[in-house]
Amino acid sequence: MDKNPACPSAIEQLKGNGELWRFSRLRQCKFLNNIVEQDHRRVKRLVRPGPGFGSFHMARRTLAGREAMAMNRKAQVRDTGGRNMRVQASSIAELFQAAA
């Protein structure tokens, strides 16, 4: 979590209600929001110039696909080849054939 001052009291309240495991620890990082924003910067840049989405479901599907491609590019998915574009293309082709 980032260093928002409301976080520690919210965590304690969740622990008191039993909604959060009582031995869980709050780990705060001052610049966590910056890390998350940088990770999604590429997706934001791709979405802005578009003509818009027809519906919420279309937006959700499109963004999920772009997030999946970003994860694939950053090698966060196993056996996809990391930065090797040929291996990525074949794994994506296999994925879409399985979904069809």
PDB file of N, CA and C in Angstrom:
ATOM      1  N   MET A   1       0.830  -1.174   0.000  1.00  0.00           N
ATOM      2  CA  MET A   1       0.000   0.000   0.000  1.00  0.00           C
ATOM      3  C   MET A   1       0.875   1.238   0.000  1.00  0.00           C
ATOM      4  N   ASP A   2       0.297   2.317  -0.456  1.00  0.00           N
ATOM      5  CA  ASP A   2       1.032   3.572  -0.407  1.00  0.00           C
ATOM      6  C   ASP A   2       0.966   4.126   1.017  1.00  0.00           C
ATOM      7  N   LYS A   3       1.550   5.260   1.235  1.00  0.00           N
ATOM      8  CA  LYS A   3       1.620   5.823   2.591  1.00  0.00           C
ATOM      9  C   LYS A   3       0.442   6.720   2.927  1.00  0.00           C
ATOM     10  N   ASN A   4      -0.726   6.359   2.488  1.00  0.00           N
ATOM     11  CA  ASN A   4      -1.931   7.103   2.821  1.00  0.00           C
ATOM     12  C   ASN A   4      -2.166   6.968   4.325  1.00  0.00           C
ATOM     13  N   PRO A   5      -2.392   8.067   5.051  1.00  0.00           N
ATOM     14  CA  PRO A   5      -2.556   7.981   6.501  1.00  0.00           C
ATOM     15  C   PRO A   5      -3.805   7.225   6.946  1.00  0.00           C
ATOM     16  N   ALA A   6      -4.767   7.035   6.070  1.00  0.00           N
ATOM     17  CA  ALA A   6      -5.985   6.325   6.448  1.00  0.00           C
ATOM     18  C   ALA A   6      -5.802   4.806   6.416  1.00  0.00           C
ATOM     19  N   CYS A   7      -4.760   4.332   5.775  1.00  0.00           N
ATOM     20  CA  CYS A   7      -4.583   2.886   5.605  1.00  0.00           C
ATOM     21  C   CYS A   7      -4.391   2.123   6.914  1.00  0.00           C
ATOM     22  N   PRO A   8      -3.510   2.544   7.829  1.00  0.00           N
ATOM     23  CA  PRO A   8      -3.329   1.767   9.056  1.00  0.00           C
ATOM     24  C   PRO A   8      -4.610   1.611   9.870  1.00  0.00           C
ATOM     25  N   SER A   9      -5.390   2.666   9.995  1.00  0.00           N
ATOM     26  CA  SER A   9      -6.628   2.544  10.773  1.00  0.00           C
ATOM     27  C   SER A   9      -7.637   1.655  10.052  1.00  0.00           C
ATOM     28  N   ALA A  10      -7.675   1.717   8.723  1.00  0.00           N
ATOM     29  CA  ALA A  10      -8.590   0.852   7.975  1.00  0.00           C
ATOM     30  C   ALA A  10      -8.191  -0.610   8.128  1.00  0.00           C
ATOM     31  N   ILE A  11      -6.896  -0.891   8.111  1.00  0.00           N
ATOM     32  CA  ILE A  11      -6.412  -2.262   8.279  1.00  0.00           C
ATOM     33  C   ILE A  11      -6.774  -2.778   9.666  1.00  0.00           C
ATOM     34  N   GLU A  12      -6.568  -1.965  10.681  1.00  0.00           N
ATOM     35  CA  GLU A  12      -6.919  -2.378  12.046  1.00  0.00           C
ATOM     36  C   GLU A  12      -8.418  -2.637  12.175  1.00  0.00           C
ATOM     37  N   GLN A  13      -9.220  -1.816  11.539  1.00  0.00           N
ATOM     38  CA  GLN A  13     -10.665  -2.015  11.584  1.00  0.00           C
ATOM     39  C   GLN A  13     -11.051  -3.323  10.887  1.00  0.00           C
ATOM     40  N   LEU A  14     -10.430  -3.620   9.751  1.00  0.00           N
ATOM     41  CA  LEU A  14     -10.714  -4.870   9.047  1.00  0.00           C
ATOM     42  C   LEU A  14     -10.277  -6.075   9.865  1.00  0.00           C
ATOM     43  N   LYS A  15      -9.161  -5.955  10.569  1.00  0.00           N
ATOM     44  CA  LYS A  15      -8.721  -7.039  11.444  1.00  0.00           C
ATOM     45  C   LYS A  15      -9.709  -7.234  12.588  1.00  0.00           C
ATOM     46  N   GLY A  16     -10.194  -6.126  13.154  1.00  0.00           N
ATOM     47  CA  GLY A  16     -11.153  -6.202  14.254  1.00  0.00           C
ATOM     48  C   GLY A  16     -12.470  -6.828  13.839  1.00  0.00           C
ATOM     49  N   ASN A  17     -12.912  -6.564  12.615  1.00  0.00           N
ATOM     50  CA  ASN A  17     -14.162  -7.142  12.111  1.00  0.00           C
ATOM     51  C   ASN A  17     -14.010  -8.592  11.689  1.00  0.00           C
ATOM     52  N   GLY A  18     -12.774  -9.076  11.601  1.00  0.00           N
ATOM     53  CA  GLY A  18     -12.546 -10.442  11.153  1.00  0.00           C
ATOM     54  C   GLY A  18     -12.540 -10.587   9.639  1.00  0.00           C
ATOM     55  N   GLU A  19     -12.556  -9.477   8.920  1.00  0.00           N
ATOM     56  CA  GLU A  19     -12.523  -9.533   7.457  1.00  0.00           C
ATOM     57  C   GLU A  19     -11.108  -9.718   6.928  1.00  0.00           C
ATOM     58  N   LEU A  20     -10.122  -9.458   7.766  1.00  0.00           N
ATOM     59  CA  LEU A  20      -8.725  -9.590   7.377  1.00  0.00           C
ATOM     60  C   LEU A  20      -8.033 -10.456   8.416  1.00  0.00           C
ATOM     61  N   TRP A  21      -7.126 -11.299   7.962  1.00  0.00           N
ATOM     62  CA  TRP A  21      -6.408 -12.187   8.866  1.00  0.00           C
ATOM     63  C   TRP A  21      -5.686 -11.365   9.917  1.00  0.00           C
ATOM     64  N   ARG A  22      -5.794 -11.741  11.179  1.00  0.00           N
ATOM     65  CA  ARG A  22      -5.286 -10.910  12.269  1.00  0.00           C
ATOM     66  C   ARG A  22      -3.765 -10.814  12.303  1.00  0.00           C
ATOM     67  N   PHE A  23      -3.045 -11.743  11.671  1.00  0.00           N
ATOM     68  CA  PHE A  23      -1.584 -11.689  11.660  1.00  0.00           C
ATOM     69  C   PHE A  23      -1.032 -11.026  10.397  1.00  0.00           C
ATOM     70  N   SER A  24      -1.900 -10.504   9.558  1.00  0.00           N
ATOM     71  CA  SER A  24      -1.412  -9.839   8.347  1.00  0.00           C
ATOM     72  C   SER A  24      -0.718  -8.531   8.719  1.00  0.00           C
ATOM     73  N   ARG A  25       0.294  -8.180   7.912  1.00  0.00           N
ATOM     74  CA  ARG A  25       1.066  -6.964   8.175  1.00  0.00           C
ATOM     75  C   ARG A  25       0.810  -5.957   7.070  1.00  0.00           C
ATOM     76  N   LEU A  26       0.850  -4.714   7.434  1.00  0.00           N
ATOM     77  CA  LEU A  26       0.706  -3.631   6.470  1.00  0.00           C
ATOM     78  C   LEU A  26       2.098  -3.209   6.019  1.00  0.00           C
ATOM     79  N   ARG A  27       2.347  -3.366   4.739  1.00  0.00           N
ATOM     80  CA  ARG A  27       3.629  -2.941   4.173  1.00  0.00           C
ATOM     81  C   ARG A  27       3.371  -1.707   3.328  1.00  0.00           C
ATOM     82  N   GLN A  28       3.982  -0.620   3.699  1.00  0.00           N
ATOM     83  CA  GLN A  28       3.758   0.636   2.993  1.00  0.00           C
ATOM     84  C   GLN A  28       5.004   1.030   2.213  1.00  0.00           C
ATOM     85  N   CYS A  29       4.780   1.501   1.014  1.00  0.00           N
ATOM     86  CA  CYS A  29       5.846   1.980   0.140  1.00  0.00           C
ATOM     87  C   CYS A  29       5.457   3.379  -0.316  1.00  0.00           C
ATOM     88  N   LYS A  30       6.338   4.328  -0.121  1.00  0.00           N
ATOM     89  CA  LYS A  30       6.008   5.720  -0.396  1.00  0.00           C
ATOM     90  C   LYS A  30       5.617   5.956  -1.851  1.00  0.00           C
ATOM     91  N   PHE A  31       6.259   5.282  -2.773  1.00  0.00           N
ATOM     92  CA  PHE A  31       6.052   5.549  -4.187  1.00  0.00           C
ATOM     93  C   PHE A  31       5.304   4.429  -4.897  1.00  0.00           C
ATOM     94  N   LEU A  32       4.486   3.665  -4.183  1.00  0.00           N
ATOM     95  CA  LEU A  32       3.788   2.540  -4.800  1.00  0.00           C
ATOM     96  C   LEU A  32       2.845   2.994  -5.894  1.00  0.00           C
ATOM     97  N   ASN A  33       2.155   4.100  -5.701  1.00  0.00           N
ATOM     98  CA  ASN A  33       1.257   4.588  -6.746  1.00  0.00           C
ATOM     99  C   ASN A  33       2.029   4.913  -8.017  1.00  0.00           C
ATOM    100  N   ASN A  34       3.240   5.435  -7.881  1.00  0.00           N
ATOM    101  CA  ASN A  34       4.045   5.725  -9.062  1.00  0.00           C
ATOM    102  C   ASN A  34       4.369   4.448  -9.824  1.00  0.00           C
ATOM    103  N   ILE A  35       4.670   3.365  -9.101  1.00  0.00           N
ATOM    104  CA  ILE A  35       4.980   2.091  -9.741  1.00  0.00           C
ATOM    105  C   ILE A  35       3.773   1.585 -10.510  1.00  0.00           C
ATOM    106  N   VAL A  36       2.605   1.643  -9.898  1.00  0.00           N
ATOM    107  CA  VAL A  36       1.385   1.174 -10.550  1.00  0.00           C
ATOM    108  C   VAL A  36       1.056   2.039 -11.755  1.00  0.00           C
ATOM    109  N   GLU A  37       1.184   3.341 -11.614  1.00  0.00           N
ATOM    110  CA  GLU A  37       0.885   4.241 -12.726  1.00  0.00           C
ATOM    111  C   GLU A  37       1.840   4.017 -13.889  1.00  0.00           C
ATOM    112  N   GLN A  38       3.108   3.783 -13.610  1.00  0.00           N
ATOM    113  CA  GLN A  38       4.051   3.530 -14.694  1.00  0.00           C
ATOM    114  C   GLN A  38       3.735   2.226 -15.395  1.00  0.00           C
ATOM    115  N   ASP A  39       3.268   1.248 -14.649  1.00  0.00           N
ATOM    116  CA  ASP A  39       2.924  -0.036 -15.250  1.00  0.00           C
ATOM    117  C   ASP A  39       1.742   0.107 -16.204  1.00  0.00           C
ATOM    118  N   HIS A  40       0.802   0.992 -15.896  1.00  0.00           N
ATOM    119  CA  HIS A  40      -0.395   1.163 -16.722  1.00  0.00           C
ATOM    120  C   HIS A  40      -0.282   2.317 -17.714  1.00  0.00           C
ATOM    121  N   ARG A  41       0.878   2.968 -17.753  1.00  0.00           N
ATOM    122  CA  ARG A  41       1.059   4.103 -18.657  1.00  0.00           C
ATOM    123  C   ARG A  41       0.860   3.702 -20.114  1.00  0.00           C
ATOM    124  N   ARG A  42       1.385   2.543 -20.508  1.00  0.00           N
ATOM    125  CA  ARG A  42       1.263   2.092 -21.892  1.00  0.00           C
ATOM    126  C   ARG A  42      -0.197   1.852 -22.261  1.00  0.00           C
ATOM    127  N   VAL A  43      -0.957   1.285 -21.347  1.00  0.00           N
ATOM    128  CA  VAL A  43      -2.375   1.027 -21.615  1.00  0.00           C
ATOM    129  C   VAL A  43      -3.127   2.341 -21.752  1.00  0.00           C
ATOM    130  N   LYS A  44      -2.845   3.304 -20.888  1.00  0.00           N
ATOM    131  CA  LYS A  44      -3.520   4.602 -20.963  1.00  0.00           C
ATOM    132  C   LYS A  44      -3.226   5.297 -22.287  1.00  0.00           C
ATOM    133  N   ARG A  45      -1.970   5.213 -22.719  1.00  0.00           N
ATOM    134  CA  ARG A  45      -1.588   5.873 -23.960  1.00  0.00           C
ATOM    135  C   ARG A  45      -2.310   5.243 -25.149  1.00  0.00           C
ATOM    136  N   LEU A  46      -2.518   3.942 -25.132  1.00  0.00           N
ATOM    137  CA  LEU A  46      -3.190   3.262 -26.236  1.00  0.00           C
ATOM    138  C   LEU A  46      -4.683   3.545 -26.267  1.00  0.00           C
ATOM    139  N   VAL A  47      -5.286   3.766 -25.113  1.00  0.00           N
ATOM    140  CA  VAL A  47      -6.736   3.914 -25.042  1.00  0.00           C
ATOM    141  C   VAL A  47      -7.186   5.316 -25.434  1.00  0.00           C
ATOM    142  N   ARG A  48      -6.467   6.338 -25.090  1.00  0.00           N
ATOM    143  CA  ARG A  48      -6.919   7.716 -25.299  1.00  0.00           C
ATOM    144  C   ARG A  48      -7.262   8.073 -26.741  1.00  0.00           C
ATOM    145  N   PRO A  49      -6.414   7.749 -27.742  1.00  0.00           N
ATOM    146  CA  PRO A  49      -6.716   8.225 -29.092  1.00  0.00           C
ATOM    147  C   PRO A  49      -7.907   7.538 -29.752  1.00  0.00           C
ATOM    148  N   GLY A  50      -8.391   6.459 -29.180  1.00  0.00           N
ATOM    149  CA  GLY A  50      -9.460   5.695 -29.826  1.00  0.00           C
ATOM    150  C   GLY A  50     -10.772   6.447 -29.920  1.00  0.00           C
ATOM    151  N   PRO A  51     -11.665   5.997 -30.801  1.00  0.00           N
ATOM    152  CA  PRO A  51     -12.951   6.664 -30.985  1.00  0.00           C
ATOM    153  C   PRO A  51     -13.928   6.414 -29.839  1.00  0.00           C
ATOM    154  N   GLY A  52     -13.571   5.565 -28.922  1.00  0.00           N
ATOM    155  CA  GLY A  52     -14.461   5.262 -27.811  1.00  0.00           C
ATOM    156  C   GLY A  52     -14.972   3.838 -27.909  1.00  0.00           C
ATOM    157  N   PHE A  53     -15.495   3.351 -26.838  1.00  0.00           N
ATOM    158  CA  PHE A  53     -16.014   1.993 -26.794  1.00  0.00           C
ATOM    159  C   PHE A  53     -17.526   2.049 -26.911  1.00  0.00           C
ATOM    160  N   GLY A  54     -18.102   1.055 -27.550  1.00  0.00           N
ATOM    161  CA  GLY A  54     -19.549   1.034 -27.719  1.00  0.00           C
ATOM    162  C   GLY A  54     -20.281   0.751 -26.422  1.00  0.00           C
ATOM    163  N   SER A  55     -19.658  -0.059 -25.569  1.00  0.00           N
ATOM    164  CA  SER A  55     -20.314  -0.425 -24.318  1.00  0.00           C
ATOM    165  C   SER A  55     -19.258  -0.690 -23.253  1.00  0.00           C
ATOM    166  N   PHE A  56     -19.721  -0.854 -22.036  1.00  0.00           N
ATOM    167  CA  PHE A  56     -18.817  -1.157 -20.935  1.00  0.00           C
ATOM    168  C   PHE A  56     -18.142  -2.498 -21.152  1.00  0.00           C
ATOM    169  N   HIS A  57     -18.905  -3.476 -21.646  1.00  0.00           N
ATOM    170  CA  HIS A  57     -18.346  -4.816 -21.844  1.00  0.00           C
ATOM    171  C   HIS A  57     -17.250  -4.808 -22.908  1.00  0.00           C
ATOM    172  N   MET A  58     -17.419  -4.023 -23.957  1.00  0.00           N
ATOM    173  CA  MET A  58     -16.390  -3.922 -24.989  1.00  0.00           C
ATOM    174  C   MET A  58     -15.130  -3.275 -24.418  1.00  0.00           C
ATOM    175  N   ALA A  59     -15.297  -2.268 -23.585  1.00  0.00           N
ATOM    176  CA  ALA A  59     -14.143  -1.618 -22.957  1.00  0.00           C
ATOM    177  C   ALA A  59     -13.419  -2.602 -22.049  1.00  0.00           C
ATOM    178  N   ARG A  60     -14.169  -3.362 -21.279  1.00  0.00           N
ATOM    179  CA  ARG A  60     -13.565  -4.335 -20.374  1.00  0.00           C
ATOM    180  C   ARG A  60     -12.779  -5.382 -21.144  1.00  0.00           C
ATOM    181  N   ARG A  61     -13.350  -5.900 -22.226  1.00  0.00           N
ATOM    182  CA  ARG A  61     -12.662  -6.912 -23.031  1.00  0.00           C
ATOM    183  C   ARG A  61     -11.400  -6.343 -23.677  1.00  0.00           C
ATOM    184  N   THR A  62     -11.509  -5.142 -24.214  1.00  0.00           N
ATOM    185  CA  THR A  62     -10.359  -4.534 -24.883  1.00  0.00           C
ATOM    186  C   THR A  62      -9.226  -4.276 -23.898  1.00  0.00           C
ATOM    187  N   LEU A  63      -9.556  -3.719 -22.739  1.00  0.00           N
ATOM    188  CA  LEU A  63      -8.521  -3.433 -21.749  1.00  0.00           C
ATOM    189  C   LEU A  63      -7.923  -4.711 -21.182  1.00  0.00           C
ATOM    190  N   ALA A  64      -8.738  -5.744 -21.003  1.00  0.00           N
ATOM    191  CA  ALA A  64      -8.213  -7.020 -20.522  1.00  0.00           C
ATOM    192  C   ALA A  64      -7.230  -7.604 -21.530  1.00  0.00           C
ATOM    193  N   GLY A  65      -7.551  -7.487 -22.811  1.00  0.00           N
ATOM    194  CA  GLY A  65      -6.638  -7.972 -23.841  1.00  0.00           C
ATOM    195  C   GLY A  65      -5.333  -7.203 -23.850  1.00  0.00           C
ATOM    196  N   ARG A  66      -5.412  -5.896 -23.699  1.00  0.00           N
ATOM    197  CA  ARG A  66      -4.194  -5.078 -23.687  1.00  0.00           C
ATOM    198  C   ARG A  66      -3.361  -5.356 -22.443  1.00  0.00           C
ATOM    199  N   GLU A  67      -4.014  -5.573 -21.314  1.00  0.00           N
ATOM    200  CA  GLU A  67      -3.289  -5.933 -20.096  1.00  0.00           C
ATOM    201  C   GLU A  67      -2.604  -7.286 -20.266  1.00  0.00           C
ATOM    202  N   ALA A  68      -3.307  -8.238 -20.892  1.00  0.00           N
ATOM    203  CA  ALA A  68      -2.717  -9.558 -21.117  1.00  0.00           C
ATOM    204  C   ALA A  68      -1.498  -9.463 -22.025  1.00  0.00           C
ATOM    205  N   MET A  69      -1.584  -8.633 -23.060  1.00  0.00           N
ATOM    206  CA  MET A  69      -0.443  -8.459 -23.957  1.00  0.00           C
ATOM    207  C   MET A  69       0.724  -7.794 -23.225  1.00  0.00           C
ATOM    208  N   ALA A  70       0.440  -6.847 -22.351  1.00  0.00           N
ATOM    209  CA  ALA A  70       1.506  -6.191 -21.588  1.00  0.00           C
ATOM    210  C   ALA A  70       2.166  -7.184 -20.637  1.00  0.00           C
ATOM    211  N   MET A  71       1.363  -8.032 -19.994  1.00  0.00           N
ATOM    212  CA  MET A  71       1.921  -9.058 -19.115  1.00  0.00           C
ATOM    213  C   MET A  71       2.781 -10.026 -19.907  1.00  0.00           C
ATOM    214  N   ASN A  72       2.320 -10.380 -21.090  1.00  0.00           N
ATOM    215  CA  ASN A  72       3.071 -11.281 -21.950  1.00  0.00           C
ATOM    216  C   ASN A  72       4.398 -10.640 -22.343  1.00  0.00           C
ATOM    217  N   ARG A  73       4.374  -9.374 -22.702  1.00  0.00           N
ATOM    218  CA  ARG A  73       5.572  -8.658 -23.126  1.00  0.00           C
ATOM    219  C   ARG A  73       6.584  -8.554 -21.992  1.00  0.00           C
ATOM    220  N   LYS A  74       6.103  -8.410 -20.758  1.00  0.00           N
ATOM    221  CA  LYS A  74       6.997  -8.270 -19.614  1.00  0.00           C
ATOM    222  C   LYS A  74       7.389  -9.620 -19.023  1.00  0.00           C
ATOM    223  N   ALA A  75       7.009 -10.707 -19.705  1.00  0.00           N
ATOM    224  CA  ALA A  75       7.340 -12.080 -19.291  1.00  0.00           C
ATOM    225  C   ALA A  75       6.778 -12.405 -17.917  1.00  0.00           C
ATOM    226  N   GLN A  76       5.569 -11.961 -17.629  1.00  0.00           N
ATOM    227  CA  GLN A  76       4.913 -12.287 -16.372  1.00  0.00           C
ATOM    228  C   GLN A  76       4.063 -13.544 -16.499  1.00  0.00           C
ATOM    229  N   VAL A  77       4.010 -14.096 -17.698  1.00  0.00           N
ATOM    230  CA  VAL A  77       3.274 -15.332 -17.945  1.00  0.00           C
ATOM    231  C   VAL A  77       4.306 -16.382 -18.324  1.00  0.00           C
ATOM    232  N   ARG A  78       4.179 -17.582 -17.802  1.00  0.00           N
ATOM    233  CA  ARG A  78       5.170 -18.623 -18.070  1.00  0.00           C
ATOM    234  C   ARG A  78       5.090 -19.133 -19.505  1.00  0.00           C
ATOM    235  N   ASP A  79       6.238 -19.535 -20.003  1.00  0.00           N
ATOM    236  CA  ASP A  79       6.376 -20.196 -21.303  1.00  0.00           C
ATOM    237  C   ASP A  79       5.827 -19.379 -22.456  1.00  0.00           C
ATOM    238  N   THR A  80       6.030 -18.074 -22.425  1.00  0.00           N
ATOM    239  CA  THR A  80       5.587 -17.254 -23.555  1.00  0.00           C
ATOM    240  C   THR A  80       6.747 -16.610 -24.283  1.00  0.00           C
ATOM    241  N   GLY A  81       7.964 -16.885 -23.883  1.00  0.00           N
ATOM    242  CA  GLY A  81       9.115 -16.405 -24.621  1.00  0.00           C
ATOM    243  C   GLY A  81       9.668 -15.068 -24.201  1.00  0.00           C
ATOM    244  N   GLY A  82       9.093 -14.402 -23.254  1.00  0.00           N
ATOM    245  CA  GLY A  82       9.614 -13.110 -22.823  1.00  0.00           C
ATOM    246  C   GLY A  82       9.589 -12.088 -23.941  1.00  0.00           C
ATOM    247  N   ARG A  83      10.753 -11.669 -24.413  1.00  0.00           N
ATOM    248  CA  ARG A  83      10.837 -10.667 -25.480  1.00  0.00           C
ATOM    249  C   ARG A  83      10.973 -11.293 -26.869  1.00  0.00           C
ATOM    250  N   ASN A  84      10.970 -12.606 -26.965  1.00  0.00           N
ATOM    251  CA  ASN A  84      11.063 -13.278 -28.262  1.00  0.00           C
ATOM    252  C   ASN A  84       9.704 -13.202 -28.955  1.00  0.00           C
ATOM    253  N   MET A  85       9.607 -12.389 -29.986  1.00  0.00           N
ATOM    254  CA  MET A  85       8.314 -12.120 -30.629  1.00  0.00           C
ATOM    255  C   MET A  85       7.726 -13.355 -31.310  1.00  0.00           C
ATOM    256  N   ARG A  86       8.560 -14.220 -31.869  1.00  0.00           N
ATOM    257  CA  ARG A  86       8.033 -15.417 -32.544  1.00  0.00           C
ATOM    258  C   ARG A  86       7.369 -16.360 -31.550  1.00  0.00           C
ATOM    259  N   VAL A  87       8.011 -16.550 -30.403  1.00  0.00           N
ATOM    260  CA  VAL A  87       7.428 -17.420 -29.380  1.00  0.00           C
ATOM    261  C   VAL A  87       6.158 -16.786 -28.824  1.00  0.00           C
ATOM    262  N   GLN A  88       6.156 -15.471 -28.637  1.00  0.00           N
ATOM    263  CA  GLN A  88       4.950 -14.780 -28.173  1.00  0.00           C
ATOM    264  C   GLN A  88       3.811 -14.962 -29.162  1.00  0.00           C
ATOM    265  N   ALA A  89       4.112 -14.798 -30.450  1.00  0.00           N
ATOM    266  CA  ALA A  89       3.069 -14.925 -31.472  1.00  0.00           C
ATOM    267  C   ALA A  89       2.492 -16.331 -31.486  1.00  0.00           C
ATOM    268  N   SER A  90       3.339 -17.345 -31.359  1.00  0.00           N
ATOM    269  CA  SER A  90       2.820 -18.716 -31.369  1.00  0.00           C
ATOM    270  C   SER A  90       2.004 -19.010 -30.117  1.00  0.00           C
ATOM    271  N   SER A  91       2.431 -18.493 -28.952  1.00  0.00           N
ATOM    272  CA  SER A  91       1.661 -18.744 -27.726  1.00  0.00           C
ATOM    273  C   SER A  91       0.316 -18.017 -27.767  1.00  0.00           C
ATOM    274  N   ILE A  92       0.281 -16.821 -28.353  1.00  0.00           N
ATOM    275  CA  ILE A  92      -0.987 -16.094 -28.482  1.00  0.00           C
ATOM    276  C   ILE A  92      -1.906 -16.810 -29.459  1.00  0.00           C
ATOM    277  N   ALA A  93      -1.335 -17.322 -30.551  1.00  0.00           N
ATOM    278  CA  ALA A  93      -2.140 -18.077 -31.515  1.00  0.00           C
ATOM    279  C   ALA A  93      -2.736 -19.318 -30.856  1.00  0.00           C
ATOM    280  N   GLU A  94      -1.942 -20.006 -30.038  1.00  0.00           N
ATOM    281  CA  GLU A  94      -2.461 -21.173 -29.319  1.00  0.00           C
ATOM    282  C   GLU A  94      -3.576 -20.765 -28.363  1.00  0.00           C
ATOM    283  N   LEU A  95      -3.394 -19.653 -27.694  1.00  0.00           N
ATOM    284  CA  LEU A  95      -4.397 -19.173 -26.745  1.00  0.00           C
ATOM    285  C   LEU A  95      -5.716 -18.881 -27.445  1.00  0.00           C
ATOM    286  N   PHE A  96      -5.665 -18.175 -28.580  1.00  0.00           N
ATOM    287  CA  PHE A  96      -6.894 -17.832 -29.282  1.00  0.00           C
ATOM    288  C   PHE A  96      -7.538 -19.040 -29.937  1.00  0.00           C
ATOM    289  N   GLN A  97      -6.744 -20.022 -30.347  1.00  0.00           N
ATOM    290  CA  GLN A  97      -7.341 -21.240 -30.893  1.00  0.00           C
ATOM    291  C   GLN A  97      -8.052 -22.015 -29.797  1.00  0.00           C
ATOM    292  N   ALA A  98      -7.499 -21.990 -28.593  1.00  0.00           N
ATOM    293  CA  ALA A  98      -8.148 -22.679 -27.479  1.00  0.00           C
ATOM    294  C   ALA A  98      -9.433 -21.971 -27.077  1.00  0.00           C
ATOM    295  N   ALA A  99      -9.478 -20.655 -27.223  1.00  0.00           N
ATOM    296  CA  ALA A  99     -10.669 -19.894 -26.838  1.00  0.00           C
ATOM    297  C   ALA A  99     -11.766 -19.981 -27.884  1.00  0.00           C
ATOM    298  N   ALA A 100     -11.423 -20.284 -29.117  1.00  0.00           N
ATOM    299  CA  ALA A 100     -12.414 -20.321 -30.201  1.00  0.00           C
ATOM    300  C   ALA A 100     -13.269 -21.560 -30.164  1.00  0.00           C
TER     301      ALA A 100
END
